[in-house]
Structure formats: structure tokens, C-alpha cells
Amino acid sequence: MDGFDLGVIMPTITDLATQWGLKVLGALAVVMLGRIVAGWLRSIARKGLTRADFDATLVPFLANLAFIAIMTFVLISAAGLVGIPVTSFIAVIGAAGLAIALAFQGTLSNFSSGIMLLTFRPFKVGDLVEAGGVKGVVQEIGIFTTTIHTPDNVRIIVPNTTVSGSTIKNFSANPTRRIDLVMGVGYGDDLNLAIETIRTVLGEDDRVLADPAPQVAVSELGDSSVNIVVRPWVDGEDYWGARFDLTKALKERLEAAGCEIPFPQRDLHHFFEETPPGFGGPEAA
């Protein structure tokens, strides 16, 4: 182009590139260094809280919260290096935050649900729960999700909104649990003998608690058996072992005592009627 002298504007371009380039590089360096420091401090906070026997449920949440706070400060500092006024930057963050809040309503709902779970504490890390359609041991209550390991060792990550929005069963909240069993005996069996045999089996198992006392009672007259409910109480950690062992022992001891454990059965009655004349009977001949 006529009249265009690159040599005239080149010093200006060089000055601008030098000035802003150094600022941008400095801001990027601050962000990268801040990211490393924030991750390092998060790791230190997690280990320090764990060593201090801090509540395991809150450790990951507080560590991640510290990471987010440090990164927010780093981003504001980086913006200041570039020349963006802090007040303007905060205003931009506020406007962007509103837009993000509208776009990520589900994510923010998970965050608020995580706060509620950590505040009201329906369960803690290590508890056996059934929540959000998943049953297992709680490994971590995060900012957005809850991690649960199922009994067959499958790792399941459940959104916090799903957990807080559903019925939560905490099997570890109370120190004791009741085992509910139903033993069926035959209609011709001696019920007193069956009940006494069941009580003897329960009394021989050290895991069965004396208080509350086990309940053994006839519950119903079923189609094929007389059903007896067996409800002993055990410590929470003994639940499954005691349940399996008692089921086996009760079956064997009832049979040894002469009680029948009947299968479902039906009585079939067939009635023979005399064949009318003319339909193949003797008179038809």
C-alpha cells in the first residue's frame, strides 16, 4: 500500500508485544505455578487432617475446598498481572458465574446436596448404606458425588442429588441389628418342641445378644407349613456371619429333633362317578 511504512509502526508493535507478551507469559506462569502449589497444598491438607484423626467424611471435602479457594486467588492474581482491574475481574466472574449457574444447574445441585450431606450427616465414610438405588460401603463423600463400593467390590459413583433425593438406609448407624428368619415346620410336628429347639440353638451362639431377648413365635399357618419367626439381635459386625450360621444350624437341629421342614405341596382329590347309560357304560352294550 502506498504511504504504508512498516518501519514506522514496527517499534510500536514491538513495544506492545514486549509489554503485553511479558504480562501474558507472567500470568500463565502464575496460573501454572499456582496450580502446582494448590495441588501440593491439597495433598498436604488431606494427609494432615488424616493424621490428626479428623473426621474421614470431611477430609476430602475440605481438601478440595482449599484447592478451589487457592485457585480462585491465583486466577485473580494472574488477571491483575495482565492489567485487568481486580474489581472488574470480580464483576466479570460474577456475570460469568450467573451464566454458569444457569448452564450447570445439575452440577450446582450436586454441590448443594453434598453440603447438605456433610451438614446433616445421614452417613459417614465406612458406613454400609443403601442410597440412590445402590447398596454398599461409603468410600468418599465428595463435593459433587458420593463413592460407594458394593459388596462384590464394584466402585459406583452416585451424584449427590440422587443420594439426598432418595430414601437412605444406614445399616451401620446403630450398634446392633436384628436378624429376621422364618422357619417352617409340618402341621403334624410338636410346636413346643420346635420352639424349644430353636431357643436352644440361639442360646448356644455367643453372638446372639441376651438383651434385647430373641423372639421366637408362631407367626402364621401357611399353605404347607406352620411358620415360626426367629428374631435374634446381634452386633452389627456379626450380622451376616450369624445369619448364615443360624440358618444352617436351625435347619439341621430341627430335622434332628424330628421336625419336618415341608416342601410346598397340594392334595389332589379325584372323584369317580358312575357313567350314565348310553355313554359307554355296561347298559350301553
Protein backbone atom coordinates (compact mmCIF):
# COMPACT_ATOMS: atom_id res chain seq x y z
CA MET A 1 0.00 0.00 0.00
CA ASP A 2 1.22 3.45 -0.89
CA GLY A 3 2.18 5.53 2.10
CA PHE A 4 2.32 2.49 4.40
CA ASP A 5 5.66 2.45 6.16
CA LEU A 6 6.17 -0.73 8.22
CA GLY A 7 9.28 0.72 9.73
CA VAL A 8 7.26 3.48 11.38
CA ILE A 9 4.80 1.21 13.22
CA MET A 10 7.21 -1.65 13.84
CA PRO A 11 8.67 -0.11 17.03
CA THR A 12 5.13 0.34 18.37
CA ILE A 13 4.25 -3.28 17.60
CA THR A 14 7.47 -4.41 19.22
CA ASP A 15 6.79 -2.36 22.33
CA LEU A 16 3.23 -3.69 22.63
CA ALA A 17 4.33 -7.28 22.04
CA THR A 18 7.09 -6.93 24.60
CA GLN A 19 4.87 -5.26 27.14
CA TRP A 20 1.79 -7.50 26.83
CA GLY A 21 3.71 -10.63 25.92
CA LEU A 22 5.64 -10.48 29.15
CA LYS A 23 2.44 -9.85 31.08
CA VAL A 24 0.64 -12.78 29.44
CA LEU A 25 3.61 -15.07 29.98
CA GLY A 26 3.81 -13.93 33.59
CA ALA A 27 0.10 -14.58 34.10
CA LEU A 28 0.39 -18.06 32.56
CA ALA A 29 3.39 -18.78 34.77
CA VAL A 30 1.42 -17.69 37.84
CA VAL A 31 -1.52 -19.93 36.87
CA MET A 32 0.68 -22.98 36.24
CA LEU A 33 2.73 -22.45 39.38
CA GLY A 34 -0.41 -21.76 41.39
CA ARG A 35 -1.96 -24.99 40.07
CA ILE A 36 1.06 -26.96 41.23
CA VAL A 37 1.11 -25.26 44.64
CA ALA A 38 -2.65 -25.71 45.10
CA GLY A 39 -2.40 -29.42 44.32
CA TRP A 40 0.55 -29.77 46.68
CA LEU A 41 -1.28 -27.96 49.49
CA ARG A 42 -4.39 -30.07 48.89
CA SER A 43 -2.32 -33.21 49.32
CA ILE A 44 -0.70 -31.82 52.49
CA ALA A 45 -4.10 -30.82 53.89
CA ARG A 46 -5.54 -34.27 53.19
CA LYS A 47 -2.62 -36.03 54.88
CA GLY A 48 -2.53 -33.60 57.80
CA LEU A 49 -6.25 -33.93 58.51
CA THR A 50 -5.99 -37.71 58.28
CA ARG A 51 -3.05 -37.86 60.70
CA ALA A 52 -4.95 -35.60 63.10
CA ASP A 53 -7.79 -38.17 63.20
CA PHE A 54 -10.12 -35.64 61.62
CA ASP A 55 -13.49 -36.94 60.51
CA ALA A 56 -12.80 -39.05 57.41
CA THR A 57 -16.05 -37.86 55.87
CA LEU A 58 -14.94 -34.22 55.80
CA VAL A 59 -11.27 -34.72 54.84
CA PRO A 60 -11.69 -34.92 51.02
CA PHE A 61 -14.32 -32.18 51.02
CA LEU A 62 -12.17 -29.71 52.97
CA ALA A 63 -9.07 -30.55 50.92
CA ASN A 64 -10.90 -29.92 47.64
CA LEU A 65 -12.44 -26.76 49.03
CA ALA A 66 -8.97 -25.45 49.92
CA PHE A 67 -7.80 -26.24 46.37
CA ILE A 68 -10.67 -24.27 44.84
CA ALA A 69 -10.05 -21.29 47.15
CA ILE A 70 -6.33 -21.18 46.27
CA MET A 71 -7.01 -21.43 42.53
CA THR A 72 -9.54 -18.58 42.76
CA PHE A 73 -6.88 -16.38 44.38
CA VAL A 74 -4.35 -17.44 41.72
CA LEU A 75 -6.70 -16.52 38.87
CA ILE A 76 -7.39 -13.11 40.37
CA SER A 77 -3.64 -12.51 40.77
CA ALA A 78 -2.99 -13.57 37.17
CA ALA A 79 -5.68 -11.17 35.95
CA GLY A 80 -4.01 -8.37 37.89
CA LEU A 81 -0.68 -9.09 36.18
CA VAL A 82 -2.27 -8.77 32.76
CA GLY A 83 -3.66 -5.41 33.77
CA ILE A 84 -7.27 -6.29 34.37
CA PRO A 85 -8.55 -4.38 37.43
CA VAL A 86 -9.46 -6.74 40.25
CA THR A 87 -12.87 -5.13 40.72
CA SER A 88 -13.65 -5.52 37.04
CA PHE A 89 -12.41 -9.07 37.11
CA ILE A 90 -14.64 -9.88 40.07
CA ALA A 91 -17.58 -8.34 38.21
CA VAL A 92 -16.79 -10.48 35.19
CA ILE A 93 -16.55 -13.54 37.41
CA GLY A 94 -19.93 -12.66 38.91
CA ALA A 95 -21.55 -12.34 35.50
CA ALA A 96 -19.88 -15.49 34.28
CA GLY A 97 -20.92 -17.22 37.48
CA LEU A 98 -24.56 -16.40 36.82
CA ALA A 99 -24.33 -17.79 33.30
CA ILE A 100 -22.54 -20.89 34.56
CA ALA A 101 -25.11 -21.35 37.30
CA LEU A 102 -27.89 -21.40 34.73
CA ALA A 103 -25.98 -23.75 32.43
CA PHE A 104 -24.85 -26.13 35.17
CA GLN A 105 -27.88 -26.32 37.39
CA GLY A 106 -27.43 -30.07 37.84
CA THR A 107 -23.81 -29.70 38.89
CA LEU A 108 -24.63 -26.96 41.38
CA SER A 109 -27.48 -29.08 42.72
CA ASN A 110 -24.96 -31.84 43.34
CA PHE A 111 -22.73 -29.35 45.14
CA SER A 112 -25.53 -28.11 47.40
CA SER A 113 -26.61 -31.69 48.05
CA GLY A 114 -23.04 -32.51 49.03
CA ILE A 115 -23.10 -29.63 51.53
CA MET A 116 -26.37 -30.97 52.95
CA LEU A 117 -24.97 -34.49 53.28
CA LEU A 118 -21.91 -33.19 55.11
CA THR A 119 -24.01 -30.93 57.33
CA PHE A 120 -26.77 -33.31 58.41
CA ARG A 121 -24.55 -36.44 58.25
CA PRO A 122 -27.05 -39.21 57.44
CA PHE A 123 -23.98 -41.44 56.99
CA LYS A 124 -20.20 -41.25 57.11
CA VAL A 125 -17.27 -42.88 55.37
CA GLY A 126 -17.16 -46.58 56.20
CA ASP A 127 -20.92 -46.97 56.76
CA LEU A 128 -22.91 -49.67 54.98
CA VAL A 129 -25.80 -47.85 53.31
CA GLU A 130 -28.46 -48.18 50.67
CA ALA A 131 -28.88 -44.84 48.92
CA GLY A 132 -29.69 -43.72 45.40
CA GLY A 133 -30.54 -47.30 44.46
CA VAL A 134 -27.05 -48.53 45.43
CA LYS A 135 -26.09 -50.67 48.43
CA GLY A 136 -22.51 -50.75 49.68
CA VAL A 137 -19.83 -49.18 51.87
CA VAL A 138 -19.30 -45.40 51.58
CA GLN A 139 -15.75 -44.59 50.46
CA GLU A 140 -15.96 -40.84 49.94
CA ILE A 141 -18.48 -38.01 50.11
CA GLY A 142 -17.21 -35.53 47.53
CA ILE A 143 -18.31 -32.08 46.50
CA PHE A 144 -20.43 -33.39 43.63
CA THR A 145 -20.61 -37.18 44.01
CA THR A 146 -20.58 -39.95 46.61
CA THR A 147 -18.40 -43.01 46.01
CA ILE A 148 -19.73 -46.39 47.17
CA HIS A 149 -18.15 -49.84 46.97
CA THR A 150 -20.71 -52.63 46.58
CA PRO A 151 -20.36 -55.96 48.46
CA ASP A 152 -18.94 -57.55 45.27
CA ASN A 153 -16.29 -54.78 45.16
CA VAL A 154 -17.72 -52.67 42.35
CA ARG A 155 -16.95 -48.95 42.58
CA ILE A 156 -20.08 -46.87 41.95
CA ILE A 157 -20.10 -43.07 41.82
CA VAL A 158 -23.54 -41.62 42.59
CA PRO A 159 -24.50 -37.95 42.08
CA ASN A 160 -25.19 -36.26 45.40
CA THR A 161 -28.65 -35.13 44.26
CA THR A 162 -29.59 -38.77 43.67
CA VAL A 163 -28.36 -39.71 47.14
CA SER A 164 -30.02 -36.85 49.03
CA GLY A 165 -33.22 -37.11 46.99
CA SER A 166 -33.83 -40.77 47.82
CA THR A 167 -34.55 -42.80 50.93
CA ILE A 168 -31.29 -43.54 52.77
CA LYS A 169 -30.88 -46.76 54.75
CA ASN A 170 -27.86 -46.72 57.06
CA PHE A 171 -27.15 -50.25 58.28
CA SER A 172 -24.17 -49.10 60.36
CA ALA A 173 -25.84 -46.25 62.27
CA ASN A 174 -26.89 -48.40 65.23
CA PRO A 175 -24.57 -50.78 67.11
CA THR A 176 -26.95 -53.75 66.95
CA ARG A 177 -29.15 -55.32 64.29
CA ARG A 178 -31.99 -57.84 64.33
CA ILE A 179 -31.88 -60.96 62.20
CA ASP A 180 -35.29 -61.91 60.78
CA LEU A 181 -35.70 -65.59 59.91
CA VAL A 182 -38.77 -67.73 59.25
CA MET A 183 -38.62 -71.48 59.92
CA GLY A 184 -41.46 -73.65 58.63
CA VAL A 185 -42.39 -76.95 60.30
CA GLY A 186 -45.02 -79.53 59.42
CA TYR A 187 -48.59 -79.40 60.67
CA GLY A 188 -48.08 -82.70 62.48
CA ASP A 189 -44.97 -81.56 64.35
CA ASP A 190 -44.83 -80.67 68.05
CA LEU A 191 -44.69 -76.85 68.06
CA ASN A 192 -43.40 -76.66 71.63
CA LEU A 193 -40.52 -78.98 70.71
CA ALA A 194 -39.72 -76.90 67.63
CA ILE A 195 -39.72 -73.64 69.61
CA GLU A 196 -37.57 -75.14 72.37
CA THR A 197 -35.09 -76.45 69.79
CA ILE A 198 -34.84 -73.02 68.16
CA ARG A 199 -34.26 -71.34 71.55
CA THR A 200 -31.52 -73.86 72.34
CA VAL A 201 -29.72 -73.11 69.08
CA LEU A 202 -29.92 -69.38 69.74
CA GLY A 203 -28.61 -69.81 73.28
CA GLU A 204 -25.58 -71.74 72.06
CA ASP A 205 -24.44 -68.95 69.72
CA ASP A 206 -22.30 -66.40 71.61
CA ARG A 207 -23.08 -63.72 69.01
CA VAL A 208 -26.78 -63.67 69.92
CA LEU A 209 -27.44 -60.93 72.47
CA ALA A 210 -29.40 -61.58 75.64
CA ASP A 211 -30.76 -58.03 75.63
CA PRO A 212 -32.92 -57.48 73.66
CA ALA A 213 -34.09 -61.05 74.09
CA PRO A 214 -34.62 -63.13 70.92
CA GLN A 215 -38.19 -63.50 69.76
CA VAL A 216 -39.45 -66.95 68.75
CA ALA A 217 -43.16 -67.21 67.97
CA VAL A 218 -45.64 -68.87 65.65
CA SER A 219 -46.45 -66.25 63.03
CA GLU A 220 -48.86 -67.88 60.61
CA LEU A 221 -50.45 -71.06 59.38
CA GLY A 222 -49.12 -71.27 55.84
CA ASP A 223 -50.37 -73.33 52.92
CA SER A 224 -47.81 -76.08 53.54
CA SER A 225 -46.23 -75.30 56.91
CA VAL A 226 -46.60 -73.70 60.29
CA ASN A 227 -44.25 -70.70 60.16
CA ILE A 228 -42.20 -69.67 63.18
CA VAL A 229 -40.47 -66.29 63.24
CA VAL A 230 -36.95 -66.25 64.69
CA ARG A 231 -35.67 -62.77 65.57
CA PRO A 232 -32.35 -62.66 67.48
CA TRP A 233 -30.29 -59.49 68.00
CA VAL A 234 -26.56 -59.34 67.25
CA ASP A 235 -23.81 -56.73 66.99
CA GLY A 236 -23.75 -55.02 63.61
CA GLU A 237 -20.42 -56.54 62.55
CA ASP A 238 -21.72 -60.06 63.34
CA TYR A 239 -24.91 -59.75 61.29
CA TRP A 240 -24.10 -61.70 58.13
CA GLY A 241 -21.96 -64.39 59.76
CA ALA A 242 -24.58 -65.05 62.43
CA ARG A 243 -27.40 -65.06 59.89
CA PHE A 244 -25.73 -67.65 57.68
CA ASP A 245 -24.65 -69.88 60.57
CA LEU A 246 -28.02 -69.77 62.34
CA THR A 247 -29.92 -70.63 59.16
CA LYS A 248 -27.81 -73.78 58.73
CA ALA A 249 -27.87 -74.73 62.42
CA LEU A 250 -31.64 -74.28 62.77
CA LYS A 251 -32.36 -76.45 59.75
CA GLU A 252 -30.09 -79.26 60.95
CA ARG A 253 -31.27 -79.19 64.58
CA LEU A 254 -34.97 -79.09 63.72
CA GLU A 255 -34.55 -82.12 61.48
CA ALA A 256 -32.53 -83.91 64.18
CA ALA A 257 -35.37 -83.22 66.65
CA GLY A 258 -37.80 -84.96 64.29
CA CYS A 259 -39.46 -81.84 62.90
CA GLU A 260 -40.36 -81.78 59.24
CA ILE A 261 -39.38 -78.83 57.09
CA PRO A 262 -42.01 -79.34 54.39
CA PHE A 263 -41.88 -78.51 50.73
CA PRO A 264 -44.84 -76.64 49.17
CA GLN A 265 -47.47 -79.29 48.48
CA ARG A 266 -51.04 -79.77 47.38
CA ASP A 267 -53.56 -82.51 47.97
CA LEU A 268 -55.30 -83.67 44.78
CA HIS A 269 -58.66 -85.40 45.17
CA HIS A 270 -60.11 -87.31 42.19
CA PHE A 271 -63.75 -88.39 42.33
CA PHE A 272 -65.01 -91.25 40.12
CA GLU A 273 -68.64 -91.01 39.05
CA GLU A 274 -70.83 -93.71 37.55
CA THR A 275 -71.06 -93.39 33.76
CA PRO A 276 -74.63 -92.55 32.64
CA PRO A 277 -76.42 -95.16 30.43
CA GLY A 278 -75.71 -94.76 26.73
CA PHE A 279 -72.26 -93.19 27.30
CA GLY A 280 -70.09 -96.26 27.25
CA GLY A 281 -71.38 -97.92 30.43
CA PRO A 282 -72.42 -101.55 30.77
CA GLU A 283 -76.03 -100.69 29.93
CA ALA A 284 -74.92 -99.37 26.54
CA ALA A 285 -73.99 -102.89 25.47
